N, C-alpha and C. Protein backbone atom coordinates (compact mmCIF):
# COMPACT_ATOMS: atom_id res chain seq x y z
N UNK A 1 36.55 -43.65 -37.81
CA UNK A 1 37.54 -42.21 -39.22
C UNK A 1 37.56 -41.07 -38.23
N UNK A 2 39.02 -40.09 -38.13
CA UNK A 2 39.11 -39.24 -37.48
C UNK A 2 38.00 -38.17 -38.15
N UNK A 3 37.89 -38.35 -39.73
CA UNK A 3 37.03 -36.87 -40.23
C UNK A 3 35.71 -37.13 -39.58
N UNK A 4 34.83 -38.12 -39.54
CA UNK A 4 33.25 -38.15 -39.41
C UNK A 4 33.36 -37.67 -37.60
N UNK A 5 34.24 -37.85 -37.23
CA UNK A 5 34.33 -37.84 -35.27
C UNK A 5 34.28 -35.97 -35.69
N UNK A 6 35.11 -35.55 -35.94
CA UNK A 6 35.73 -34.23 -36.14
C UNK A 6 34.13 -33.37 -37.30
N UNK A 7 33.42 -34.09 -38.16
CA UNK A 7 32.73 -33.22 -38.77
C UNK A 7 31.60 -34.25 -39.52
N UNK A 8 30.55 -34.26 -37.64
CA UNK A 8 29.20 -35.24 -38.29
C UNK A 8 28.68 -34.98 -39.00
N UNK A 9 28.43 -33.37 -39.66
CA UNK A 9 27.65 -33.37 -40.49
C UNK A 9 28.10 -34.03 -41.92
N UNK A 10 29.36 -34.23 -41.65
CA UNK A 10 29.79 -35.25 -43.11
C UNK A 10 29.19 -36.93 -43.23
N UNK A 11 28.82 -37.46 -42.53
CA UNK A 11 28.36 -38.24 -42.00
C UNK A 11 28.00 -38.87 -43.74
N UNK A 12 28.09 -40.02 -43.73
CA UNK A 12 27.12 -40.48 -45.28
C UNK A 12 25.74 -41.52 -44.95
N UNK A 13 24.78 -40.99 -45.78
CA UNK A 13 23.31 -42.08 -46.07
C UNK A 13 23.93 -43.39 -46.34
N UNK A 14 24.08 -43.94 -45.59
CA UNK A 14 23.29 -45.72 -46.24
C UNK A 14 23.83 -46.14 -48.14
N UNK A 15 22.82 -44.99 -48.35
CA UNK A 15 23.35 -45.85 -50.45
C UNK A 15 24.63 -44.68 -50.65
N UNK A 16 25.03 -43.51 -49.83
CA UNK A 16 26.82 -42.94 -50.47
C UNK A 16 27.82 -43.10 -50.04
N UNK A 17 28.63 -42.78 -51.49
CA UNK A 17 29.65 -43.95 -50.73
C UNK A 17 31.12 -42.12 -50.97
N UNK A 18 32.21 -42.32 -49.53
CA UNK A 18 32.89 -41.03 -49.80
C UNK A 18 33.34 -40.25 -51.52
N UNK A 19 33.56 -38.69 -50.88
CA UNK A 19 33.92 -38.74 -52.58
C UNK A 19 34.60 -37.92 -52.09
N UNK A 20 35.84 -37.75 -51.28
CA UNK A 20 37.18 -37.38 -50.58
C UNK A 20 38.24 -36.78 -51.79
N UNK A 21 38.62 -35.43 -51.49
CA UNK A 21 40.15 -35.26 -52.47
C UNK A 21 41.06 -35.23 -51.12
N UNK A 22 41.80 -36.06 -50.88
CA UNK A 22 43.11 -35.76 -49.91
C UNK A 22 44.02 -35.28 -50.86
N UNK A 23 45.17 -33.85 -50.21
CA UNK A 23 45.76 -33.23 -51.12
C UNK A 23 46.87 -33.15 -49.89
N UNK A 24 48.27 -33.48 -50.29
CA UNK A 24 48.88 -32.57 -49.51
C UNK A 24 49.69 -31.46 -49.16
N UNK A 25 49.98 -30.81 -48.34
CA UNK A 25 50.31 -29.04 -48.07
C UNK A 25 51.86 -28.82 -48.46
N UNK A 26 52.36 -27.88 -49.11
CA UNK A 26 53.45 -27.63 -48.61
C UNK A 26 54.05 -26.43 -47.64
N UNK A 27 55.36 -26.31 -46.85
CA UNK A 27 54.46 -24.92 -46.24
C UNK A 27 55.30 -25.15 -44.83
N UNK A 28 54.62 -26.49 -44.66
CA UNK A 28 55.07 -27.06 -43.42
C UNK A 28 56.31 -27.44 -42.73
N UNK A 29 56.76 -26.85 -41.44
CA UNK A 29 57.79 -27.37 -40.55
C UNK A 29 57.73 -28.61 -39.95
N UNK A 30 57.27 -28.49 -38.91
CA UNK A 30 57.25 -29.87 -38.24
C UNK A 30 56.37 -30.98 -38.43
N UNK A 31 55.18 -29.67 -39.43
CA UNK A 31 54.02 -30.53 -39.65
C UNK A 31 53.45 -31.65 -41.18
N UNK A 32 53.08 -32.71 -40.89
CA UNK A 32 52.43 -32.98 -42.46
C UNK A 32 51.24 -32.58 -42.73
N UNK A 33 50.51 -31.82 -43.56
CA UNK A 33 49.75 -31.53 -43.49
C UNK A 33 48.67 -31.75 -44.86
N UNK A 34 47.57 -31.75 -44.72
CA UNK A 34 46.24 -32.85 -46.28
C UNK A 34 45.60 -31.61 -45.66
N UNK A 35 44.90 -31.30 -47.18
CA UNK A 35 43.80 -30.61 -46.67
C UNK A 35 42.38 -32.08 -47.74
N UNK A 36 41.29 -32.17 -46.53
CA UNK A 36 40.56 -33.23 -46.99
C UNK A 36 39.29 -32.02 -47.38
N UNK A 37 38.86 -32.78 -49.20
CA UNK A 37 37.49 -31.94 -49.64
C UNK A 37 36.74 -32.95 -50.00
N UNK A 38 35.40 -32.04 -49.15
CA UNK A 38 34.50 -33.25 -49.73
C UNK A 38 33.40 -33.18 -50.48
N UNK A 39 33.79 -33.62 -52.04
CA UNK A 39 33.32 -33.41 -52.68
C UNK A 39 31.72 -33.33 -52.93
N UNK A 40 30.93 -33.74 -51.50
CA UNK A 40 29.59 -34.29 -51.50
C UNK A 40 28.47 -33.65 -50.09
N UNK A 41 30.39 -32.15 -50.10
CA UNK A 41 29.36 -31.27 -49.44
C UNK A 41 28.92 -29.67 -49.92
N UNK A 42 28.29 -29.17 -50.80
CA UNK A 42 28.33 -27.85 -51.69
C UNK A 42 28.60 -26.59 -50.42
N UNK A 43 29.18 -26.46 -50.18
CA UNK A 43 29.60 -25.28 -49.20
C UNK A 43 30.92 -24.73 -48.52
N UNK A 44 31.73 -23.70 -48.22
CA UNK A 44 32.20 -23.32 -48.01
C UNK A 44 32.98 -23.85 -46.30
N UNK A 45 32.39 -25.01 -46.47
CA UNK A 45 32.47 -26.00 -44.99
C UNK A 45 33.01 -26.98 -45.67
N UNK A 46 33.53 -27.48 -47.07
CA UNK A 46 33.06 -28.52 -47.51
C UNK A 46 34.75 -29.64 -47.66
N UNK A 47 36.15 -28.26 -46.17
CA UNK A 47 37.49 -28.87 -46.91
C UNK A 47 37.74 -28.42 -45.48
N UNK A 48 38.47 -29.36 -45.02
CA UNK A 48 39.36 -29.37 -43.96
C UNK A 48 40.52 -29.30 -43.88
N UNK A 49 42.03 -29.25 -42.79
CA UNK A 49 43.14 -29.57 -42.82
C UNK A 49 43.05 -30.44 -41.85
N UNK A 50 44.02 -31.54 -41.77
CA UNK A 50 44.32 -32.57 -41.28
C UNK A 50 45.84 -32.32 -40.16
N UNK A 51 46.39 -32.20 -39.54
CA UNK A 51 47.38 -31.57 -38.93
C UNK A 51 48.00 -33.06 -38.10
N UNK A 52 49.24 -33.74 -38.66
CA UNK A 52 50.08 -34.57 -38.46
C UNK A 52 50.78 -34.16 -38.07
N UNK A 53 51.40 -34.39 -36.45
CA UNK A 53 52.31 -33.85 -35.38
C UNK A 53 54.05 -34.34 -36.26
N UNK A 54 54.95 -33.84 -36.82
CA UNK A 54 56.30 -34.67 -36.65
C UNK A 54 56.77 -35.30 -35.28
N UNK A 55 57.47 -36.46 -35.80
CA UNK A 55 58.49 -37.80 -34.69
C UNK A 55 59.30 -36.69 -34.27
N UNK A 56 59.00 -36.20 -33.28
CA UNK A 56 60.19 -35.93 -32.56
C UNK A 56 60.03 -34.01 -32.39
N UNK A 57 58.79 -33.90 -32.29
CA UNK A 57 58.37 -32.16 -32.77
C UNK A 57 58.27 -32.01 -30.81
N UNK A 58 57.60 -32.88 -30.47
CA UNK A 58 57.62 -32.98 -28.92
C UNK A 58 57.99 -32.19 -28.04
N UNK A 59 59.85 -32.51 -28.18
CA UNK A 59 60.66 -32.24 -27.95
C UNK A 59 60.78 -30.36 -27.60
N UNK A 60 60.35 -29.51 -28.45
CA UNK A 60 60.15 -28.76 -28.85
C UNK A 60 59.42 -27.88 -29.09
N UNK A 61 58.24 -28.78 -29.34
CA UNK A 61 57.11 -28.25 -29.21
C UNK A 61 55.80 -28.76 -28.14
N UNK A 62 55.54 -27.72 -27.34
CA UNK A 62 54.46 -28.31 -26.53
C UNK A 62 53.46 -28.49 -26.98
N UNK A 63 52.33 -29.14 -27.32
CA UNK A 63 51.71 -29.33 -28.44
C UNK A 63 50.45 -28.76 -27.06
N UNK A 64 50.17 -28.93 -25.58
CA UNK A 64 48.82 -28.93 -25.32
C UNK A 64 49.00 -27.89 -25.01
N UNK A 65 49.97 -26.90 -25.17
CA UNK A 65 50.08 -25.73 -24.78
C UNK A 65 49.76 -24.96 -26.30
N UNK A 66 50.12 -25.32 -27.00
CA UNK A 66 49.96 -24.90 -28.71
C UNK A 66 48.17 -25.15 -29.26
N UNK A 67 47.92 -26.23 -28.63
CA UNK A 67 46.74 -26.59 -28.75
C UNK A 67 45.79 -25.60 -28.65
N UNK A 68 45.89 -25.38 -26.82
CA UNK A 68 45.20 -24.33 -26.51
C UNK A 68 44.97 -22.63 -26.36
N UNK A 69 46.51 -22.45 -27.20
CA UNK A 69 46.70 -21.03 -27.48
C UNK A 69 45.89 -21.13 -29.04
N UNK A 70 46.14 -21.83 -29.69
CA UNK A 70 45.26 -22.23 -31.41
C UNK A 70 43.53 -22.55 -30.71
N UNK A 71 42.88 -22.51 -30.33
CA UNK A 71 41.54 -22.82 -29.50
C UNK A 71 40.42 -21.38 -29.03
N UNK A 72 42.29 -20.64 -28.69
CA UNK A 72 41.72 -19.27 -27.69
C UNK A 72 41.56 -18.77 -28.97
N UNK A 73 42.15 -18.59 -30.03
CA UNK A 73 42.79 -17.67 -31.23
C UNK A 73 41.65 -17.92 -31.63
N UNK A 74 41.81 -19.68 -32.54
CA UNK A 74 39.49 -19.81 -33.68
C UNK A 74 38.79 -19.18 -32.04
N UNK A 75 38.85 -19.29 -31.11
CA UNK A 75 37.40 -18.35 -30.13
C UNK A 75 37.40 -17.07 -30.69
N UNK A 76 38.45 -16.62 -30.94
CA UNK A 76 38.35 -14.94 -31.32
C UNK A 76 38.27 -14.69 -32.72
N UNK A 77 37.59 -15.89 -33.42
CA UNK A 77 37.75 -15.79 -35.67
C UNK A 77 39.44 -14.92 -35.38
N UNK A 78 40.85 -15.78 -35.01
CA UNK A 78 42.12 -14.99 -35.56
C UNK A 78 42.24 -16.37 -35.94
N UNK A 79 42.66 -16.32 -37.28
CA UNK A 79 43.19 -17.66 -38.09
C UNK A 79 41.88 -18.59 -37.96
N UNK A 80 41.94 -20.09 -38.56
CA UNK A 80 40.96 -20.76 -39.24
C UNK A 80 40.34 -21.16 -38.09
N UNK A 81 39.31 -21.63 -38.15
CA UNK A 81 38.08 -22.59 -36.63
C UNK A 81 39.09 -23.60 -36.00
N UNK A 82 38.59 -24.09 -35.42
CA UNK A 82 40.08 -25.95 -34.62
C UNK A 82 38.40 -26.34 -34.26
N UNK A 83 38.58 -27.37 -34.66
CA UNK A 83 37.59 -28.35 -35.08
C UNK A 83 38.21 -29.28 -34.06
N UNK A 84 38.65 -29.79 -33.42
CA UNK A 84 39.36 -31.13 -33.07
C UNK A 84 40.32 -32.00 -32.42
N UNK A 85 40.80 -32.67 -31.90
CA UNK A 85 42.11 -33.48 -31.73
C UNK A 85 42.01 -34.77 -32.08
N UNK A 86 43.02 -35.95 -32.40
CA UNK A 86 43.25 -36.73 -32.81
C UNK A 86 44.98 -37.35 -31.40
N UNK A 87 45.01 -38.12 -31.64
CA UNK A 87 46.27 -38.72 -30.88
C UNK A 87 47.01 -38.00 -31.79
N UNK A 88 48.06 -38.04 -32.73
CA UNK A 88 48.69 -37.69 -33.02
C UNK A 88 48.06 -36.33 -33.92
N UNK A 89 48.06 -35.59 -33.76
CA UNK A 89 47.70 -33.88 -34.90
C UNK A 89 45.99 -33.96 -33.78
N UNK A 90 45.71 -32.09 -35.17
CA UNK A 90 44.96 -31.56 -34.54
C UNK A 90 44.11 -31.27 -36.15
N UNK A 91 42.59 -31.22 -36.07
CA UNK A 91 41.67 -30.63 -37.51
C UNK A 91 41.40 -29.31 -37.24
N UNK A 92 41.68 -28.81 -37.98
CA UNK A 92 41.37 -27.10 -37.85
C UNK A 92 40.45 -26.82 -39.80
N UNK A 93 39.42 -25.99 -39.51
CA UNK A 93 38.77 -24.92 -40.88
C UNK A 93 40.24 -25.08 -41.95
N UNK A 94 39.91 -25.31 -42.91
CA UNK A 94 40.78 -24.72 -44.71
C UNK A 94 39.52 -23.66 -45.13
N UNK A 95 40.82 -22.53 -45.04
CA UNK A 95 39.87 -21.63 -45.17
C UNK A 95 40.21 -20.95 -47.19
N UNK A 96 38.70 -21.28 -47.60
CA UNK A 96 39.24 -21.67 -48.90
C UNK A 96 40.00 -20.45 -49.73
N UNK A 97 40.11 -20.90 -51.10
CA UNK A 97 41.03 -19.55 -51.84
C UNK A 97 42.72 -19.16 -50.52
N UNK A 98 42.75 -19.94 -50.31
CA UNK A 98 43.96 -19.42 -49.50
C UNK A 98 45.22 -20.41 -49.80
N UNK A 99 46.61 -20.20 -49.82
CA UNK A 99 47.77 -21.02 -50.92
C UNK A 99 49.02 -20.26 -49.57
N UNK A 100 50.20 -21.39 -49.84
CA UNK A 100 51.08 -20.48 -49.15
C UNK A 100 51.63 -19.70 -50.19
N UNK A 101 52.24 -18.11 -49.42
CA UNK A 101 52.94 -17.78 -50.47
C UNK A 101 54.10 -18.06 -51.15
N UNK A 102 54.55 -18.01 -52.16
CA UNK A 102 56.13 -17.75 -52.66
C UNK A 102 57.38 -16.82 -51.91
N UNK A 103 58.03 -16.74 -52.07
CA UNK A 103 59.04 -15.76 -51.80
C UNK A 103 58.63 -14.84 -52.36
N UNK A 104 58.60 -15.17 -53.91
CA UNK A 104 58.42 -13.40 -54.29
C UNK A 104 57.01 -13.08 -54.34
N UNK A 105 56.12 -13.59 -53.18
CA UNK A 105 55.08 -13.43 -52.85
C UNK A 105 55.85 -12.09 -51.34
N UNK A 106 55.97 -12.96 -51.15
CA UNK A 106 56.67 -12.76 -49.43
C UNK A 106 57.63 -11.40 -49.70
N UNK A 107 57.92 -11.29 -50.60
CA UNK A 107 59.31 -10.08 -50.99
C UNK A 107 58.31 -8.65 -52.12
N UNK A 108 57.67 -8.70 -51.81
CA UNK A 108 56.14 -8.20 -52.21
C UNK A 108 55.80 -7.07 -51.35
N UNK A 109 56.58 -5.55 -51.16
CA UNK A 109 56.01 -4.93 -50.13
C UNK A 109 54.50 -4.29 -49.18
N UNK A 110 52.95 -4.85 -50.16
CA UNK A 110 51.76 -4.71 -49.63
C UNK A 110 52.11 -5.12 -48.80
N UNK A 111 52.40 -6.88 -50.17
CA UNK A 111 52.23 -7.81 -49.34
C UNK A 111 53.05 -8.30 -47.91
N UNK A 112 54.05 -7.76 -47.61
CA UNK A 112 55.06 -7.90 -46.20
C UNK A 112 54.54 -7.47 -45.80
N UNK A 113 53.94 -6.22 -45.72
CA UNK A 113 53.09 -5.12 -44.77
C UNK A 113 52.07 -5.59 -43.98
N UNK A 114 50.28 -6.37 -45.30
CA UNK A 114 49.91 -7.03 -44.19
C UNK A 114 50.27 -8.13 -43.58
N UNK A 115 51.08 -8.50 -43.88
CA UNK A 115 52.30 -9.79 -43.02
C UNK A 115 52.05 -9.50 -41.87
N UNK A 116 53.21 -8.62 -41.84
CA UNK A 116 53.51 -7.74 -40.31
C UNK A 116 53.03 -7.13 -39.20
N UNK A 117 51.38 -6.07 -40.08
CA UNK A 117 49.72 -6.38 -39.11
C UNK A 117 49.25 -7.42 -39.39
N UNK A 118 49.60 -8.39 -39.51
CA UNK A 118 48.56 -9.18 -38.99
C UNK A 118 49.83 -10.09 -38.14
N UNK A 119 51.13 -10.69 -38.63
CA UNK A 119 51.70 -10.82 -36.83
C UNK A 119 51.24 -9.90 -35.76
N UNK A 120 52.01 -9.09 -35.93
CA UNK A 120 51.65 -7.20 -35.70
C UNK A 120 50.26 -7.36 -33.75
N UNK A 121 49.30 -7.93 -34.70
CA UNK A 121 47.90 -8.44 -34.34
C UNK A 121 48.17 -9.49 -33.20
N UNK A 122 48.64 -10.57 -33.77
CA UNK A 122 48.15 -12.21 -33.53
C UNK A 122 49.29 -11.31 -31.91
N UNK A 123 50.15 -10.82 -32.46
CA UNK A 123 51.12 -11.10 -30.56
C UNK A 123 50.74 -9.78 -29.56
N UNK A 124 49.61 -8.79 -30.38
CA UNK A 124 49.15 -7.90 -29.34
C UNK A 124 48.53 -8.81 -28.60
N UNK A 125 47.47 -10.20 -28.57
CA UNK A 125 46.38 -10.77 -28.32
C UNK A 125 47.13 -11.42 -27.07
N UNK A 126 46.04 -11.15 -26.09
CA UNK A 126 46.33 -11.66 -24.92
C UNK A 126 45.59 -13.07 -24.34
N UNK A 127 46.98 -14.17 -24.18
CA UNK A 127 46.58 -15.24 -24.24
C UNK A 127 46.25 -15.97 -22.72
N UNK A 128 45.34 -16.34 -22.87
CA UNK A 128 44.43 -16.64 -21.48
C UNK A 128 44.66 -18.30 -20.87
N UNK A 129 46.13 -18.26 -20.53
CA UNK A 129 46.84 -19.61 -20.02
C UNK A 129 47.89 -19.43 -18.54
N UNK A 130 47.01 -19.84 -17.31
CA UNK A 130 47.80 -19.47 -16.68
C UNK A 130 49.41 -19.36 -16.73
N UNK A 131 50.38 -18.91 -15.95
CA UNK A 131 51.53 -19.35 -15.26
C UNK A 131 52.16 -18.54 -17.60
N UNK A 132 51.48 -17.85 -17.81
CA UNK A 132 52.29 -17.57 -19.74
C UNK A 132 53.84 -17.29 -19.88
N UNK A 133 53.48 -16.36 -18.07
CA UNK A 133 55.64 -15.80 -18.65
C UNK A 133 56.65 -16.73 -18.27
N UNK A 134 55.81 -17.77 -17.57
CA UNK A 134 56.83 -18.67 -17.20
C UNK A 134 56.60 -20.37 -17.73
N UNK A 135 55.59 -20.34 -19.09
CA UNK A 135 55.98 -21.20 -19.73
C UNK A 135 56.43 -20.37 -20.84
N UNK A 136 56.92 -19.37 -21.44
CA UNK A 136 58.13 -18.86 -22.01
C UNK A 136 59.01 -18.88 -22.26
N UNK A 137 59.25 -18.76 -20.05
CA UNK A 137 61.00 -19.32 -19.27
C UNK A 137 60.97 -19.80 -19.34
N UNK A 138 60.25 -21.05 -19.32
CA UNK A 138 60.27 -22.93 -19.64
C UNK A 138 60.67 -23.28 -21.08
N UNK A 139 60.36 -22.57 -21.90
CA UNK A 139 60.47 -22.72 -24.05
C UNK A 139 61.99 -22.49 -23.70
N UNK A 140 61.74 -21.34 -23.04
CA UNK A 140 63.42 -20.54 -24.03
C UNK A 140 64.84 -21.96 -22.97
N UNK A 141 64.20 -21.61 -21.57
CA UNK A 141 64.99 -22.80 -21.47
C UNK A 141 64.89 -24.53 -22.15
N UNK A 142 63.96 -24.82 -22.64
CA UNK A 142 64.04 -26.28 -22.86
C UNK A 142 64.85 -25.94 -24.42
N UNK A 143 64.94 -24.62 -25.42
CA UNK A 143 65.21 -24.60 -26.66
C UNK A 143 67.04 -24.43 -26.58
N UNK A 144 67.43 -23.60 -24.86
CA UNK A 144 68.72 -23.52 -25.15
C UNK A 144 69.27 -25.69 -24.87
N UNK A 145 69.05 -25.51 -23.78
CA UNK A 145 69.19 -27.24 -23.90
C UNK A 145 69.17 -28.30 -24.94
N UNK A 146 68.10 -28.15 -25.52
CA UNK A 146 67.79 -28.65 -26.92
C UNK A 146 69.57 -28.38 -27.61
N UNK A 147 70.01 -27.88 -27.68
CA UNK A 147 71.13 -26.79 -28.49
C UNK A 147 72.40 -27.32 -27.37
N UNK A 148 72.69 -27.34 -26.42
CA UNK A 148 73.90 -27.89 -26.08
C UNK A 148 73.89 -29.62 -25.92
N UNK A 149 72.62 -30.13 -26.65
CA UNK A 149 72.67 -31.83 -25.95
C UNK A 149 72.96 -31.99 -28.39
N UNK A 150 72.84 -30.92 -28.49
CA UNK A 150 73.36 -30.93 -30.05
C UNK A 150 74.78 -30.58 -30.16
N UNK A 151 75.07 -30.30 -29.71
CA UNK A 151 77.21 -29.35 -29.50
C UNK A 151 75.85 -28.53 -30.69
N UNK A 152 75.02 -27.71 -30.50
CA UNK A 152 75.08 -26.35 -31.60
C UNK A 152 75.21 -24.90 -30.78
N UNK A 153 77.15 -24.32 -30.88
CA UNK A 153 77.10 -23.06 -31.18
C UNK A 153 77.69 -22.24 -31.87
N UNK A 154 77.44 -21.17 -31.36
CA UNK A 154 78.30 -20.06 -32.71
C UNK A 154 80.18 -20.39 -32.10
N UNK A 155 80.49 -20.01 -32.72
CA UNK A 155 82.29 -20.82 -33.08
C UNK A 155 82.78 -18.95 -32.91
N UNK A 156 81.53 -17.51 -32.75
CA UNK A 156 81.89 -16.66 -32.52
C UNK A 156 82.09 -15.85 -30.70
N UNK A 157 81.01 -16.76 -30.81
CA UNK A 157 81.42 -16.88 -29.21
C UNK A 157 80.30 -16.32 -28.63
N UNK A 158 79.07 -16.17 -29.21
CA UNK A 158 78.11 -14.90 -29.06
C UNK A 158 76.56 -15.61 -28.35
N UNK A 159 76.52 -17.24 -28.61
CA UNK A 159 75.25 -18.03 -27.30
C UNK A 159 75.68 -18.28 -26.27
N UNK A 160 75.67 -17.83 -25.37
CA UNK A 160 76.04 -17.96 -23.78
C UNK A 160 74.86 -18.72 -23.10
N UNK A 161 74.69 -19.67 -22.48
CA UNK A 161 73.55 -19.87 -21.80
C UNK A 161 72.37 -18.78 -20.88
N UNK A 162 72.03 -19.21 -21.58
CA UNK A 162 70.66 -18.70 -20.05
C UNK A 162 70.38 -19.15 -18.93
N UNK A 163 70.68 -19.06 -18.01
CA UNK A 163 69.90 -19.50 -16.78
C UNK A 163 69.51 -18.60 -16.05
N UNK A 164 69.34 -19.37 -14.98
CA UNK A 164 67.76 -18.80 -13.84
C UNK A 164 69.08 -17.44 -12.85
N UNK A 165 70.00 -17.66 -13.14
CA UNK A 165 71.12 -17.03 -12.02
C UNK A 165 71.56 -15.88 -12.96
N UNK A 166 71.28 -15.45 -13.97
CA UNK A 166 71.57 -14.59 -14.76
C UNK A 166 70.69 -13.44 -15.23
N UNK A 167 68.95 -14.41 -15.63
CA UNK A 167 68.13 -13.84 -15.49
C UNK A 167 67.44 -13.46 -13.85
N UNK A 168 67.91 -13.27 -12.93
CA UNK A 168 67.69 -12.85 -11.87
C UNK A 168 68.44 -11.85 -11.16
């Protein structure tokens, strides 16, 4: 059971029966997200997120890099704690009291300003991965290839394929 492997403190005594509440989260674009709450634990650490990667998303998202970045940010206390990986997903801390924002909430100038500040802070972080600049361009090239394969183009002629020759 993935939960017990990631959360050893949740293991049951012989006479206990599991008391989990599993709720699907909305707002995921490429993943299925579930909050698992353990009603036998009386603390702020009684809920986790199980993130199951979407089918075929590895074509556009390098999960190895994504998980390394997530773990690095977690160590810096930016975002939820990284708890572990399983075959097709990740387990992370659920921040109690958090929720997905509605469009109306995101349009609120106070909230949108805080979001912008948080995103700016996130983008100032130095990620400790070798060849980070190369990873960025390899990802951009991969997205361009996917667009070409899907025959995605801009009928106004604004989409121009980026090539190594054009960058040099």
